[in-house]
């Protein structure tokens, strides 16, 4: 459990650092960041994925410790969906790159958690 919390905190810190660098480098304005959903499919799809990942998180932590890897998979799916929707409908604003970075960080977190779990490092 400590490994998951450590990896999630590292993902949060890296995500904030990388996104701030990308915002300044790509000149993304604050008004572009405020637009959260591009259409209704994006809004309801993301809400469904958030609730599904929340349920998976609760079940994996409490009942099935071997399925804790699904925490990273479900969050990566949320950000992959967000990346796809934003890249299709708002390609010129480049805000989809911020979600893509977060998705990649969750996939890296999944790999790191799996390796540390396999070798019993943490």
PDB file of N, CA and C in Angstrom:
ATOM      1  N   UNK A   1       0.820  -1.200   0.000  1.00  0.00           N
ATOM      2  CA  UNK A   1       0.000   0.000   0.000  1.00  0.00           C
ATOM      3  C   UNK A   1       0.861   1.260   0.000  1.00  0.00           C
ATOM      4  N   UNK A   2       1.995   1.187   0.698  1.00  0.00           N
ATOM      5  CA  UNK A   2       2.916   2.319   0.743  1.00  0.00           C
ATOM      6  C   UNK A   2       3.452   2.622  -0.654  1.00  0.00           C
ATOM      7  N   UNK A   3       3.692   1.571  -1.440  1.00  0.00           N
ATOM      8  CA  UNK A   3       4.221   1.759  -2.794  1.00  0.00           C
ATOM      9  C   UNK A   3       3.233   2.532  -3.658  1.00  0.00           C
ATOM     10  N   UNK A   4       1.961   2.211  -3.551  1.00  0.00           N
ATOM     11  CA  UNK A   4       0.942   2.899  -4.351  1.00  0.00           C
ATOM     12  C   UNK A   4       0.880   4.374  -3.985  1.00  0.00           C
ATOM     13  N   UNK A   5       0.868   4.661  -2.698  1.00  0.00           N
ATOM     14  CA  UNK A   5       0.788   6.053  -2.256  1.00  0.00           C
ATOM     15  C   UNK A   5       2.026   6.826  -2.698  1.00  0.00           C
ATOM     16  N   UNK A   6       3.190   6.219  -2.572  1.00  0.00           N
ATOM     17  CA  UNK A   6       4.434   6.875  -2.983  1.00  0.00           C
ATOM     18  C   UNK A   6       4.430   7.158  -4.481  1.00  0.00           C
ATOM     19  N   UNK A   7       4.020   6.194  -5.266  1.00  0.00           N
ATOM     20  CA  UNK A   7       3.998   6.362  -6.719  1.00  0.00           C
ATOM     21  C   UNK A   7       2.967   7.406  -7.119  1.00  0.00           C
ATOM     22  N   UNK A   8       1.797   7.416  -6.490  1.00  0.00           N
ATOM     23  CA  UNK A   8       0.766   8.407  -6.819  1.00  0.00           C
ATOM     24  C   UNK A   8       1.220   9.824  -6.457  1.00  0.00           C
ATOM     25  N   UNK A   9       1.913   9.974  -5.339  1.00  0.00           N
ATOM     26  CA  UNK A   9       2.435  11.292  -4.968  1.00  0.00           C
ATOM     27  C   UNK A   9       3.505  11.737  -5.968  1.00  0.00           C
ATOM     28  N   UNK A  10       4.364  10.803  -6.370  1.00  0.00           N
ATOM     29  CA  UNK A  10       5.394  11.130  -7.365  1.00  0.00           C
ATOM     30  C   UNK A  10       4.754  11.528  -8.693  1.00  0.00           C
ATOM     31  N   UNK A  11       3.682  10.836  -9.089  1.00  0.00           N
ATOM     32  CA  UNK A  11       2.970  11.181 -10.329  1.00  0.00           C
ATOM     33  C   UNK A  11       2.384  12.584 -10.211  1.00  0.00           C
ATOM     34  N   UNK A  12       1.795  12.904  -9.079  1.00  0.00           N
ATOM     35  CA  UNK A  12       1.214  14.231  -8.872  1.00  0.00           C
ATOM     36  C   UNK A  12       2.268  15.326  -8.987  1.00  0.00           C
ATOM     37  N   UNK A  13       3.407  15.123  -8.334  1.00  0.00           N
ATOM     38  CA  UNK A  13       4.468  16.134  -8.357  1.00  0.00           C
ATOM     39  C   UNK A  13       5.050  16.277  -9.758  1.00  0.00           C
ATOM     40  N   UNK A  14       5.359  15.146 -10.409  1.00  0.00           N
ATOM     41  CA  UNK A  14       5.895  15.206 -11.766  1.00  0.00           C
ATOM     42  C   UNK A  14       4.903  15.817 -12.747  1.00  0.00           C
ATOM     43  N   UNK A  15       3.640  15.497 -12.578  1.00  0.00           N
ATOM     44  CA  UNK A  15       2.608  16.040 -13.466  1.00  0.00           C
ATOM     45  C   UNK A  15       2.535  17.559 -13.347  1.00  0.00           C
ATOM     46  N   UNK A  16       2.549  18.061 -12.140  1.00  0.00           N
ATOM     47  CA  UNK A  16       2.502  19.510 -11.948  1.00  0.00           C
ATOM     48  C   UNK A  16       3.742  20.188 -12.526  1.00  0.00           C
ATOM     49  N   UNK A  17       4.892  19.611 -12.291  1.00  0.00           N
ATOM     50  CA  UNK A  17       6.135  20.190 -12.788  1.00  0.00           C
ATOM     51  C   UNK A  17       6.177  20.191 -14.319  1.00  0.00           C
ATOM     52  N   UNK A  18       5.886  19.058 -14.932  1.00  0.00           N
ATOM     53  CA  UNK A  18       5.939  18.951 -16.397  1.00  0.00           C
ATOM     54  C   UNK A  18       4.869  19.818 -17.044  1.00  0.00           C
ATOM     55  N   UNK A  19       3.663  19.810 -16.492  1.00  0.00           N
ATOM     56  CA  UNK A  19       2.592  20.623 -17.083  1.00  0.00           C
ATOM     57  C   UNK A  19       2.905  22.108 -17.005  1.00  0.00           C
ATOM     58  N   UNK A  20       3.475  22.565 -15.910  1.00  0.00           N
ATOM     59  CA  UNK A  20       3.843  23.989 -15.814  1.00  0.00           C
ATOM     60  C   UNK A  20       4.901  24.350 -16.851  1.00  0.00           C
ATOM     61  N   UNK A  21       5.859  23.467 -17.058  1.00  0.00           N
ATOM     62  CA  UNK A  21       6.878  23.706 -18.081  1.00  0.00           C
ATOM     63  C   UNK A  21       6.256  23.745 -19.475  1.00  0.00           C
ATOM     64  N   UNK A  22       5.337  22.813 -19.756  1.00  0.00           N
ATOM     65  CA  UNK A  22       4.687  22.780 -21.075  1.00  0.00           C
ATOM     66  C   UNK A  22       3.805  24.001 -21.297  1.00  0.00           C
ATOM     67  N   UNK A  23       3.125  24.454 -20.269  1.00  0.00           N
ATOM     68  CA  UNK A  23       2.256  25.630 -20.404  1.00  0.00           C
ATOM     69  C   UNK A  23       3.074  26.850 -20.792  1.00  0.00           C
ATOM     70  N   UNK A  24       4.227  27.014 -20.162  1.00  0.00           N
ATOM     71  CA  UNK A  24       5.061  28.170 -20.509  1.00  0.00           C
ATOM     72  C   UNK A  24       5.748  27.985 -21.863  1.00  0.00           C
ATOM     73  N   UNK A  25       6.159  26.761 -22.169  1.00  0.00           N
ATOM     74  CA  UNK A  25       6.872  26.515 -23.427  1.00  0.00           C
ATOM     75  C   UNK A  25       5.948  26.620 -24.638  1.00  0.00           C
ATOM     76  N   UNK A  26       4.714  26.104 -24.515  1.00  0.00           N
ATOM     77  CA  UNK A  26       3.771  26.108 -25.639  1.00  0.00           C
ATOM     78  C   UNK A  26       2.854  27.320 -25.644  1.00  0.00           C
ATOM     79  N   UNK A  27       3.019  28.218 -24.682  1.00  0.00           N
ATOM     80  CA  UNK A  27       2.204  29.433 -24.577  1.00  0.00           C
ATOM     81  C   UNK A  27       0.703  29.121 -24.510  1.00  0.00           C
ATOM     82  N   UNK A  28       0.335  28.188 -23.651  1.00  0.00           N
ATOM     83  CA  UNK A  28      -1.071  27.851 -23.457  1.00  0.00           C
ATOM     84  C   UNK A  28      -1.668  28.868 -22.502  1.00  0.00           C
ATOM     85  N   UNK A  29      -2.759  29.501 -22.912  1.00  0.00           N
ATOM     86  CA  UNK A  29      -3.385  30.541 -22.105  1.00  0.00           C
ATOM     87  C   UNK A  29      -4.300  29.928 -21.049  1.00  0.00           C
ATOM     88  N   UNK A  30      -4.571  30.709 -19.997  1.00  0.00           N
ATOM     89  CA  UNK A  30      -5.452  30.261 -18.913  1.00  0.00           C
ATOM     90  C   UNK A  30      -6.864  29.987 -19.413  1.00  0.00           C
ATOM     91  N   UNK A  31      -7.335  30.756 -20.382  1.00  0.00           N
ATOM     92  CA  UNK A  31      -8.696  30.561 -20.893  1.00  0.00           C
ATOM     93  C   UNK A  31      -8.834  29.213 -21.580  1.00  0.00           C
ATOM     94  N   UNK A  32      -7.764  28.724 -22.207  1.00  0.00           N
ATOM     95  CA  UNK A  32      -7.801  27.413 -22.843  1.00  0.00           C
ATOM     96  C   UNK A  32      -7.821  26.294 -21.804  1.00  0.00           C
ATOM     97  N   UNK A  33      -7.219  26.533 -20.649  1.00  0.00           N
ATOM     98  CA  UNK A  33      -7.174  25.517 -19.599  1.00  0.00           C
ATOM     99  C   UNK A  33      -8.504  25.400 -18.857  1.00  0.00           C
ATOM    100  N   UNK A  34      -9.295  26.472 -18.854  1.00  0.00           N
ATOM    101  CA  UNK A  34     -10.560  26.458 -18.127  1.00  0.00           C
ATOM    102  C   UNK A  34     -11.624  25.599 -18.809  1.00  0.00           C
ATOM    103  N   UNK A  35     -11.530  25.416 -20.107  1.00  0.00           N
ATOM    104  CA  UNK A  35     -12.511  24.612 -20.834  1.00  0.00           C
ATOM    105  C   UNK A  35     -12.242  23.151 -20.507  1.00  0.00           C
ATOM    106  N   UNK A  36     -13.128  22.574 -19.698  1.00  0.00           N
ATOM    107  CA  UNK A  36     -12.887  21.216 -19.235  1.00  0.00           C
ATOM    108  C   UNK A  36     -13.432  20.171 -20.212  1.00  0.00           C
ATOM    109  N   UNK A  37     -14.626  20.379 -20.718  1.00  0.00           N
ATOM    110  CA  UNK A  37     -15.239  19.407 -21.614  1.00  0.00           C
ATOM    111  C   UNK A  37     -15.443  20.023 -22.990  1.00  0.00           C
ATOM    112  N   UNK A  38     -15.215  19.231 -24.027  1.00  0.00           N
ATOM    113  CA  UNK A  38     -15.380  19.749 -25.385  1.00  0.00           C
ATOM    114  C   UNK A  38     -16.783  19.510 -25.924  1.00  0.00           C
ATOM    115  N   UNK A  39     -17.478  18.482 -25.415  1.00  0.00           N
ATOM    116  CA  UNK A  39     -18.871  18.216 -25.802  1.00  0.00           C
ATOM    117  C   UNK A  39     -19.509  17.305 -24.745  1.00  0.00           C
ATOM    118  N   UNK A  40     -20.767  16.944 -24.971  1.00  0.00           N
ATOM    119  CA  UNK A  40     -21.482  16.128 -23.976  1.00  0.00           C
ATOM    120  C   UNK A  40     -20.926  14.711 -23.877  1.00  0.00           C
ATOM    121  N   UNK A  41     -20.490  14.143 -24.996  1.00  0.00           N
ATOM    122  CA  UNK A  41     -19.887  12.813 -24.958  1.00  0.00           C
ATOM    123  C   UNK A  41     -18.653  12.822 -24.063  1.00  0.00           C
ATOM    124  N   UNK A  42     -17.856  13.836 -24.184  1.00  0.00           N
ATOM    125  CA  UNK A  42     -16.671  13.967 -23.346  1.00  0.00           C
ATOM    126  C   UNK A  42     -17.058  14.119 -21.876  1.00  0.00           C
ATOM    127  N   UNK A  43     -18.049  14.936 -21.609  1.00  0.00           N
ATOM    128  CA  UNK A  43     -18.479  15.186 -20.233  1.00  0.00           C
ATOM    129  C   UNK A  43     -18.993  13.914 -19.567  1.00  0.00           C
ATOM    130  N   UNK A  44     -19.924  13.228 -20.216  1.00  0.00           N
ATOM    131  CA  UNK A  44     -20.512  12.044 -19.591  1.00  0.00           C
ATOM    132  C   UNK A  44     -19.567  10.841 -19.639  1.00  0.00           C
ATOM    133  N   UNK A  45     -18.774  10.738 -20.691  1.00  0.00           N
ATOM    134  CA  UNK A  45     -17.801   9.650 -20.762  1.00  0.00           C
ATOM    135  C   UNK A  45     -16.759   9.756 -19.670  1.00  0.00           C
ATOM    136  N   UNK A  46     -16.295  10.967 -19.430  1.00  0.00           N
ATOM    137  CA  UNK A  46     -15.290  11.165 -18.388  1.00  0.00           C
ATOM    138  C   UNK A  46     -15.884  10.931 -17.000  1.00  0.00           C
ATOM    139  N   UNK A  47     -17.111  11.354 -16.793  1.00  0.00           N
ATOM    140  CA  UNK A  47     -17.751  11.103 -15.489  1.00  0.00           C
ATOM    141  C   UNK A  47     -17.928   9.617 -15.236  1.00  0.00           C
ATOM    142  N   UNK A  48     -18.318   8.869 -16.250  1.00  0.00           N
ATOM    143  CA  UNK A  48     -18.473   7.413 -16.112  1.00  0.00           C
ATOM    144  C   UNK A  48     -17.123   6.777 -15.796  1.00  0.00           C
ATOM    145  N   UNK A  49     -16.094   7.195 -16.505  1.00  0.00           N
ATOM    146  CA  UNK A  49     -14.765   6.641 -16.243  1.00  0.00           C
ATOM    147  C   UNK A  49     -14.255   7.002 -14.855  1.00  0.00           C
ATOM    148  N   UNK A  50     -14.526   8.219 -14.394  1.00  0.00           N
ATOM    149  CA  UNK A  50     -14.121   8.610 -13.034  1.00  0.00           C
ATOM    150  C   UNK A  50     -14.812   7.743 -11.984  1.00  0.00           C
ATOM    151  N   UNK A  51     -16.105   7.566 -12.114  1.00  0.00           N
ATOM    152  CA  UNK A  51     -16.830   6.750 -11.138  1.00  0.00           C
ATOM    153  C   UNK A  51     -16.390   5.294 -11.208  1.00  0.00           C
ATOM    154  N   UNK A  52     -16.170   4.783 -12.401  1.00  0.00           N
ATOM    155  CA  UNK A  52     -15.700   3.402 -12.535  1.00  0.00           C
ATOM    156  C   UNK A  52     -14.319   3.246 -11.902  1.00  0.00           C
ATOM    157  N   UNK A  53     -13.430   4.216 -12.115  1.00  0.00           N
ATOM    158  CA  UNK A  53     -12.097   4.120 -11.516  1.00  0.00           C
ATOM    159  C   UNK A  53     -12.161   4.261  -9.999  1.00  0.00           C
ATOM    160  N   UNK A  54     -13.087   5.077  -9.495  1.00  0.00           N
ATOM    161  CA  UNK A  54     -13.258   5.214  -8.050  1.00  0.00           C
ATOM    162  C   UNK A  54     -13.736   3.892  -7.438  1.00  0.00           C
ATOM    163  N   UNK A  55     -14.687   3.243  -8.081  1.00  0.00           N
ATOM    164  CA  UNK A  55     -15.192   1.952  -7.598  1.00  0.00           C
ATOM    165  C   UNK A  55     -14.098   0.890  -7.668  1.00  0.00           C
ATOM    166  N   UNK A  56     -13.349   0.868  -8.773  1.00  0.00           N
ATOM    167  CA  UNK A  56     -12.247  -0.082  -8.915  1.00  0.00           C
ATOM    168  C   UNK A  56     -11.206   0.151  -7.829  1.00  0.00           C
ATOM    169  N   UNK A  57     -10.933   1.415  -7.535  1.00  0.00           N
ATOM    170  CA  UNK A  57      -9.953   1.749  -6.509  1.00  0.00           C
ATOM    171  C   UNK A  57     -10.384   1.216  -5.138  1.00  0.00           C
ATOM    172  N   UNK A  58     -11.620   1.428  -4.791  1.00  0.00           N
ATOM    173  CA  UNK A  58     -12.116   0.962  -3.492  1.00  0.00           C
ATOM    174  C   UNK A  58     -12.079  -0.556  -3.400  1.00  0.00           C
ATOM    175  N   UNK A  59     -12.550  -1.217  -4.443  1.00  0.00           N
ATOM    176  CA  UNK A  59     -12.571  -2.685  -4.438  1.00  0.00           C
ATOM    177  C   UNK A  59     -11.156  -3.250  -4.424  1.00  0.00           C
ATOM    178  N   UNK A  60     -10.270  -2.685  -5.217  1.00  0.00           N
ATOM    179  CA  UNK A  60      -8.903  -3.207  -5.296  1.00  0.00           C
ATOM    180  C   UNK A  60      -8.154  -3.013  -3.989  1.00  0.00           C
ATOM    181  N   UNK A  61      -8.357  -1.906  -3.336  1.00  0.00           N
ATOM    182  CA  UNK A  61      -7.637  -1.653  -2.085  1.00  0.00           C
ATOM    183  C   UNK A  61      -8.175  -2.524  -0.956  1.00  0.00           C
ATOM    184  N   UNK A  62      -9.493  -2.665  -0.868  1.00  0.00           N
ATOM    185  CA  UNK A  62     -10.085  -3.384   0.260  1.00  0.00           C
ATOM    186  C   UNK A  62     -10.160  -4.895   0.072  1.00  0.00           C
ATOM    187  N   UNK A  63     -10.514  -5.365  -1.111  1.00  0.00           N
ATOM    188  CA  UNK A  63     -10.826  -6.778  -1.285  1.00  0.00           C
ATOM    189  C   UNK A  63      -9.758  -7.581  -2.021  1.00  0.00           C
ATOM    190  N   UNK A  64      -9.195  -7.016  -3.073  1.00  0.00           N
ATOM    191  CA  UNK A  64      -8.301  -7.773  -3.944  1.00  0.00           C
ATOM    192  C   UNK A  64      -6.954  -7.070  -4.099  1.00  0.00           C
ATOM    193  N   UNK A  65      -6.010  -7.343  -3.204  1.00  0.00           N
ATOM    194  CA  UNK A  65      -4.710  -6.657  -3.275  1.00  0.00           C
ATOM    195  C   UNK A  65      -3.939  -6.948  -4.563  1.00  0.00           C
ATOM    196  N   UNK A  66      -4.158  -8.085  -5.192  1.00  0.00           N
ATOM    197  CA  UNK A  66      -3.455  -8.412  -6.434  1.00  0.00           C
ATOM    198  C   UNK A  66      -3.962  -7.581  -7.609  1.00  0.00           C
ATOM    199  N   UNK A  67      -5.118  -6.981  -7.471  1.00  0.00           N
ATOM    200  CA  UNK A  67      -5.687  -6.173  -8.549  1.00  0.00           C
ATOM    201  C   UNK A  67      -5.433  -4.678  -8.352  1.00  0.00           C
ATOM    202  N   UNK A  68      -4.533  -4.330  -7.458  1.00  0.00           N
ATOM    203  CA  UNK A  68      -4.243  -2.913  -7.218  1.00  0.00           C
ATOM    204  C   UNK A  68      -3.637  -2.238  -8.437  1.00  0.00           C
ATOM    205  N   UNK A  69      -3.127  -3.018  -9.347  1.00  0.00           N
ATOM    206  CA  UNK A  69      -2.582  -2.473 -10.590  1.00  0.00           C
ATOM    207  C   UNK A  69      -3.673  -1.788 -11.409  1.00  0.00           C
ATOM    208  N   UNK A  70      -4.918  -2.200 -11.188  1.00  0.00           N
ATOM    209  CA  UNK A  70      -6.044  -1.594 -11.918  1.00  0.00           C
ATOM    210  C   UNK A  70      -6.272  -0.133 -11.533  1.00  0.00           C
ATOM    211  N   UNK A  71      -5.743   0.286 -10.410  1.00  0.00           N
ATOM    212  CA  UNK A  71      -5.833   1.702 -10.019  1.00  0.00           C
ATOM    213  C   UNK A  71      -5.139   2.550 -11.077  1.00  0.00           C
ATOM    214  N   UNK A  72      -3.955   2.125 -11.476  1.00  0.00           N
ATOM    215  CA  UNK A  72      -3.201   2.867 -12.483  1.00  0.00           C
ATOM    216  C   UNK A  72      -3.835   2.733 -13.866  1.00  0.00           C
ATOM    217  N   UNK A  73      -4.346   1.547 -14.164  1.00  0.00           N
ATOM    218  CA  UNK A  73      -4.976   1.323 -15.469  1.00  0.00           C
ATOM    219  C   UNK A  73      -6.216   2.196 -15.627  1.00  0.00           C
ATOM    220  N   UNK A  74      -7.035   2.254 -14.589  1.00  0.00           N
ATOM    221  CA  UNK A  74      -8.271   3.030 -14.694  1.00  0.00           C
ATOM    222  C   UNK A  74      -7.992   4.527 -14.806  1.00  0.00           C
ATOM    223  N   UNK A  75      -7.014   5.025 -14.064  1.00  0.00           N
ATOM    224  CA  UNK A  75      -6.689   6.450 -14.170  1.00  0.00           C
ATOM    225  C   UNK A  75      -6.032   6.773 -15.506  1.00  0.00           C
ATOM    226  N   UNK A  76      -5.224   5.855 -16.024  1.00  0.00           N
ATOM    227  CA  UNK A  76      -4.648   6.056 -17.358  1.00  0.00           C
ATOM    228  C   UNK A  76      -5.746   6.073 -18.413  1.00  0.00           C
ATOM    229  N   UNK A  77      -6.784   5.252 -18.231  1.00  0.00           N
ATOM    230  CA  UNK A  77      -7.905   5.240 -19.171  1.00  0.00           C
ATOM    231  C   UNK A  77      -8.658   6.570 -19.147  1.00  0.00           C
ATOM    232  N   UNK A  78      -8.828   7.147 -17.973  1.00  0.00           N
ATOM    233  CA  UNK A  78      -9.505   8.449 -17.859  1.00  0.00           C
ATOM    234  C   UNK A  78      -8.735   9.508 -18.638  1.00  0.00           C
ATOM    235  N   UNK A  79      -7.429   9.570 -18.433  1.00  0.00           N
ATOM    236  CA  UNK A  79      -6.645  10.601 -19.099  1.00  0.00           C
ATOM    237  C   UNK A  79      -6.425  10.299 -20.574  1.00  0.00           C
ATOM    238  N   UNK A  80      -6.421   9.025 -20.958  1.00  0.00           N
ATOM    239  CA  UNK A  80      -6.343   8.689 -22.380  1.00  0.00           C
ATOM    240  C   UNK A  80      -7.620   9.128 -23.093  1.00  0.00           C
ATOM    241  N   UNK A  81      -8.775   8.907 -22.454  1.00  0.00           N
ATOM    242  CA  UNK A  81     -10.041   9.348 -23.029  1.00  0.00           C
ATOM    243  C   UNK A  81     -10.060  10.867 -23.173  1.00  0.00           C
ATOM    244  N   UNK A  82      -9.593  11.569 -22.145  1.00  0.00           N
ATOM    245  CA  UNK A  82      -9.545  13.028 -22.195  1.00  0.00           C
ATOM    246  C   UNK A  82      -8.608  13.504 -23.308  1.00  0.00           C
ATOM    247  N   UNK A  83      -7.471  12.838 -23.452  1.00  0.00           N
ATOM    248  CA  UNK A  83      -6.518  13.199 -24.502  1.00  0.00           C
ATOM    249  C   UNK A  83      -7.119  13.013 -25.882  1.00  0.00           C
ATOM    250  N   UNK A  84      -7.793  11.897 -26.084  1.00  0.00           N
ATOM    251  CA  UNK A  84      -8.402  11.621 -27.387  1.00  0.00           C
ATOM    252  C   UNK A  84      -9.488  12.640 -27.706  1.00  0.00           C
ATOM    253  N   UNK A  85     -10.349  12.910 -26.748  1.00  0.00           N
ATOM    254  CA  UNK A  85     -11.441  13.856 -27.007  1.00  0.00           C
ATOM    255  C   UNK A  85     -10.910  15.265 -27.275  1.00  0.00           C
ATOM    256  N   UNK A  86      -9.948  15.695 -26.501  1.00  0.00           N
ATOM    257  CA  UNK A  86      -9.408  17.045 -26.712  1.00  0.00           C
ATOM    258  C   UNK A  86      -8.587  17.137 -27.990  1.00  0.00           C
ATOM    259  N   UNK A  87      -7.889  16.062 -28.346  1.00  0.00           N
ATOM    260  CA  UNK A  87      -7.090  16.125 -29.571  1.00  0.00           C
ATOM    261  C   UNK A  87      -7.967  16.114 -30.813  1.00  0.00           C
ATOM    262  N   UNK A  88      -9.113  15.466 -30.746  1.00  0.00           N
ATOM    263  CA  UNK A  88     -10.024  15.450 -31.894  1.00  0.00           C
ATOM    264  C   UNK A  88     -10.712  16.799 -32.061  1.00  0.00           C
ATOM    265  N   UNK A  89     -11.197  17.374 -30.979  1.00  0.00           N
ATOM    266  CA  UNK A  89     -12.055  18.555 -31.084  1.00  0.00           C
ATOM    267  C   UNK A  89     -11.337  19.891 -30.860  1.00  0.00           C
ATOM    268  N   UNK A  90     -10.222  19.895 -30.138  1.00  0.00           N
ATOM    269  CA  UNK A  90      -9.514  21.166 -29.892  1.00  0.00           C
ATOM    270  C   UNK A  90      -8.023  20.996 -30.127  1.00  0.00           C
ATOM    271  N   UNK A  91      -7.667  20.548 -31.289  1.00  0.00           N
ATOM    272  CA  UNK A  91      -6.264  20.288 -31.600  1.00  0.00           C
ATOM    273  C   UNK A  91      -5.415  21.555 -31.572  1.00  0.00           C
ATOM    274  N   UNK A  92      -5.949  22.681 -31.997  1.00  0.00           N
ATOM    275  CA  UNK A  92      -5.151  23.898 -32.094  1.00  0.00           C
ATOM    276  C   UNK A  92      -4.739  24.465 -30.742  1.00  0.00           C
ATOM    277  N   UNK A  93      -5.460  24.138 -29.655  1.00  0.00           N
ATOM    278  CA  UNK A  93      -5.116  24.705 -28.349  1.00  0.00           C
ATOM    279  C   UNK A  93      -3.985  23.947 -27.656  1.00  0.00           C
ATOM    280  N   UNK A  94      -3.714  22.734 -28.056  1.00  0.00           N
ATOM    281  CA  UNK A  94      -2.625  21.894 -27.523  1.00  0.00           C
ATOM    282  C   UNK A  94      -2.783  21.541 -26.044  1.00  0.00           C
ATOM    283  N   UNK A  95      -3.971  21.705 -25.494  1.00  0.00           N
ATOM    284  CA  UNK A  95      -4.164  21.303 -24.095  1.00  0.00           C
ATOM    285  C   UNK A  95      -4.237  19.789 -23.951  1.00  0.00           C
ATOM    286  N   UNK A  96      -4.454  19.104 -25.058  1.00  0.00           N
ATOM    287  CA  UNK A  96      -4.498  17.644 -25.005  1.00  0.00           C
ATOM    288  C   UNK A  96      -3.132  17.072 -24.634  1.00  0.00           C
ATOM    289  N   UNK A  97      -2.064  17.814 -24.879  1.00  0.00           N
ATOM    290  CA  UNK A  97      -0.730  17.341 -24.514  1.00  0.00           C
ATOM    291  C   UNK A  97      -0.558  17.226 -23.002  1.00  0.00           C
ATOM    292  N   UNK A  98      -1.240  18.086 -22.266  1.00  0.00           N
ATOM    293  CA  UNK A  98      -1.160  18.024 -20.798  1.00  0.00           C
ATOM    294  C   UNK A  98      -1.799  16.738 -20.277  1.00  0.00           C
ATOM    295  N   UNK A  99      -2.922  16.361 -20.867  1.00  0.00           N
ATOM    296  CA  UNK A  99      -3.578  15.110 -20.472  1.00  0.00           C
ATOM    297  C   UNK A  99      -2.769  13.901 -20.929  1.00  0.00           C
ATOM    298  N   UNK A 100      -2.122  14.025 -22.077  1.00  0.00           N
ATOM    299  CA  UNK A 100      -1.301  12.920 -22.571  1.00  0.00           C
ATOM    300  C   UNK A 100      -0.113  12.665 -21.650  1.00  0.00           C
ATOM    301  N   UNK A 101       0.478  13.725 -21.144  1.00  0.00           N
ATOM    302  CA  UNK A 101       1.599  13.579 -20.206  1.00  0.00           C
ATOM    303  C   UNK A 101       1.131  12.865 -18.936  1.00  0.00           C
ATOM    304  N   UNK A 102      -0.035  13.239 -18.436  1.00  0.00           N
ATOM    305  CA  UNK A 102      -0.568  12.601 -17.234  1.00  0.00           C
ATOM    306  C   UNK A 102      -0.857  11.121 -17.488  1.00  0.00           C
ATOM    307  N   UNK A 103      -1.387  10.806 -18.657  1.00  0.00           N
ATOM    308  CA  UNK A 103      -1.652   9.414 -19.018  1.00  0.00           C
ATOM    309  C   UNK A 103      -0.358   8.610 -19.046  1.00  0.00           C
ATOM    310  N   UNK A 104       0.676   9.171 -19.647  1.00  0.00           N
ATOM    311  CA  UNK A 104       1.971   8.493 -19.714  1.00  0.00           C
ATOM    312  C   UNK A 104       2.552   8.298 -18.312  1.00  0.00           C
ATOM    313  N   UNK A 105       2.382   9.285 -17.448  1.00  0.00           N
ATOM    314  CA  UNK A 105       2.881   9.146 -16.077  1.00  0.00           C
ATOM    315  C   UNK A 105       2.158   8.025 -15.333  1.00  0.00           C
ATOM    316  N   UNK A 106       0.855   7.873 -15.555  1.00  0.00           N
ATOM    317  CA  UNK A 106       0.138   6.764 -14.912  1.00  0.00           C
ATOM    318  C   UNK A 106       0.581   5.415 -15.468  1.00  0.00           C
ATOM    319  N   UNK A 107       0.886   5.364 -16.752  1.00  0.00           N
ATOM    320  CA  UNK A 107       1.387   4.109 -17.327  1.00  0.00           C
ATOM    321  C   UNK A 107       2.767   3.788 -16.758  1.00  0.00           C
ATOM    322  N   UNK A 108       3.622   4.791 -16.619  1.00  0.00           N
ATOM    323  CA  UNK A 108       4.925   4.573 -15.985  1.00  0.00           C
ATOM    324  C   UNK A 108       4.768   4.163 -14.523  1.00  0.00           C
ATOM    325  N   UNK A 109       3.803   4.758 -13.835  1.00  0.00           N
ATOM    326  CA  UNK A 109       3.520   4.356 -12.459  1.00  0.00           C
ATOM    327  C   UNK A 109       3.076   2.904 -12.380  1.00  0.00           C
ATOM    328  N   UNK A 110       2.296   2.479 -13.345  1.00  0.00           N
ATOM    329  CA  UNK A 110       1.853   1.085 -13.418  1.00  0.00           C
ATOM    330  C   UNK A 110       3.057   0.162 -13.570  1.00  0.00           C
ATOM    331  N   UNK A 111       3.963   0.499 -14.460  1.00  0.00           N
ATOM    332  CA  UNK A 111       5.145  -0.335 -14.683  1.00  0.00           C
ATOM    333  C   UNK A 111       6.027  -0.362 -13.434  1.00  0.00           C
ATOM    334  N   UNK A 112       6.239   0.783 -12.827  1.00  0.00           N
ATOM    335  CA  UNK A 112       7.072   0.844 -11.624  1.00  0.00           C
ATOM    336  C   UNK A 112       6.436   0.054 -10.482  1.00  0.00           C
ATOM    337  N   UNK A 113       5.119   0.198 -10.319  1.00  0.00           N
ATOM    338  CA  UNK A 113       4.448  -0.558  -9.249  1.00  0.00           C
ATOM    339  C   UNK A 113       4.556  -2.058  -9.499  1.00  0.00           C
ATOM    340  N   UNK A 114       4.381  -2.471 -10.741  1.00  0.00           N
ATOM    341  CA  UNK A 114       4.425  -3.894 -11.066  1.00  0.00           C
ATOM    342  C   UNK A 114       5.821  -4.464 -10.828  1.00  0.00           C
ATOM    343  N   UNK A 115       6.853  -3.715 -11.203  1.00  0.00           N
ATOM    344  CA  UNK A 115       8.225  -4.174 -10.996  1.00  0.00           C
ATOM    345  C   UNK A 115       8.549  -4.249  -9.520  1.00  0.00           C
ATOM    346  N   UNK A 116       8.179  -3.214  -8.761  1.00  0.00           N
ATOM    347  CA  UNK A 116       8.466  -3.246  -7.327  1.00  0.00           C
ATOM    348  C   UNK A 116       7.656  -4.313  -6.615  1.00  0.00           C
ATOM    349  N   UNK A 117       6.446  -4.575  -7.084  1.00  0.00           N
ATOM    350  CA  UNK A 117       5.628  -5.634  -6.495  1.00  0.00           C
ATOM    351  C   UNK A 117       6.197  -7.012  -6.837  1.00  0.00           C
ATOM    352  N   UNK A 118       6.665  -7.162  -8.042  1.00  0.00           N
ATOM    353  CA  UNK A 118       7.220  -8.456  -8.489  1.00  0.00           C
ATOM    354  C   UNK A 118       8.493  -8.813  -7.713  1.00  0.00           C
ATOM    355  N   UNK A 119       9.351  -7.824  -7.530  1.00  0.00           N
ATOM    356  CA  UNK A 119      10.613  -8.097  -6.838  1.00  0.00           C
ATOM    357  C   UNK A 119      10.541  -7.800  -5.344  1.00  0.00           C
ATOM    358  N   UNK A 120       9.373  -7.435  -4.838  1.00  0.00           N
ATOM    359  CA  UNK A 120       9.175  -7.121  -3.421  1.00  0.00           C
ATOM    360  C   UNK A 120      10.162  -6.079  -2.905  1.00  0.00           C
ATOM    361  N   UNK A 121      10.350  -5.031  -3.695  1.00  0.00           N
ATOM    362  CA  UNK A 121      11.297  -3.977  -3.348  1.00  0.00           C
ATOM    363  C   UNK A 121      10.716  -3.089  -2.245  1.00  0.00           C
ATOM    364  N   UNK A 122       9.475  -2.667  -2.429  1.00  0.00           N
ATOM    365  CA  UNK A 122       8.859  -1.775  -1.443  1.00  0.00           C
ATOM    366  C   UNK A 122       7.847  -2.554  -0.638  1.00  0.00           C
TER     367      UNK A 122
END
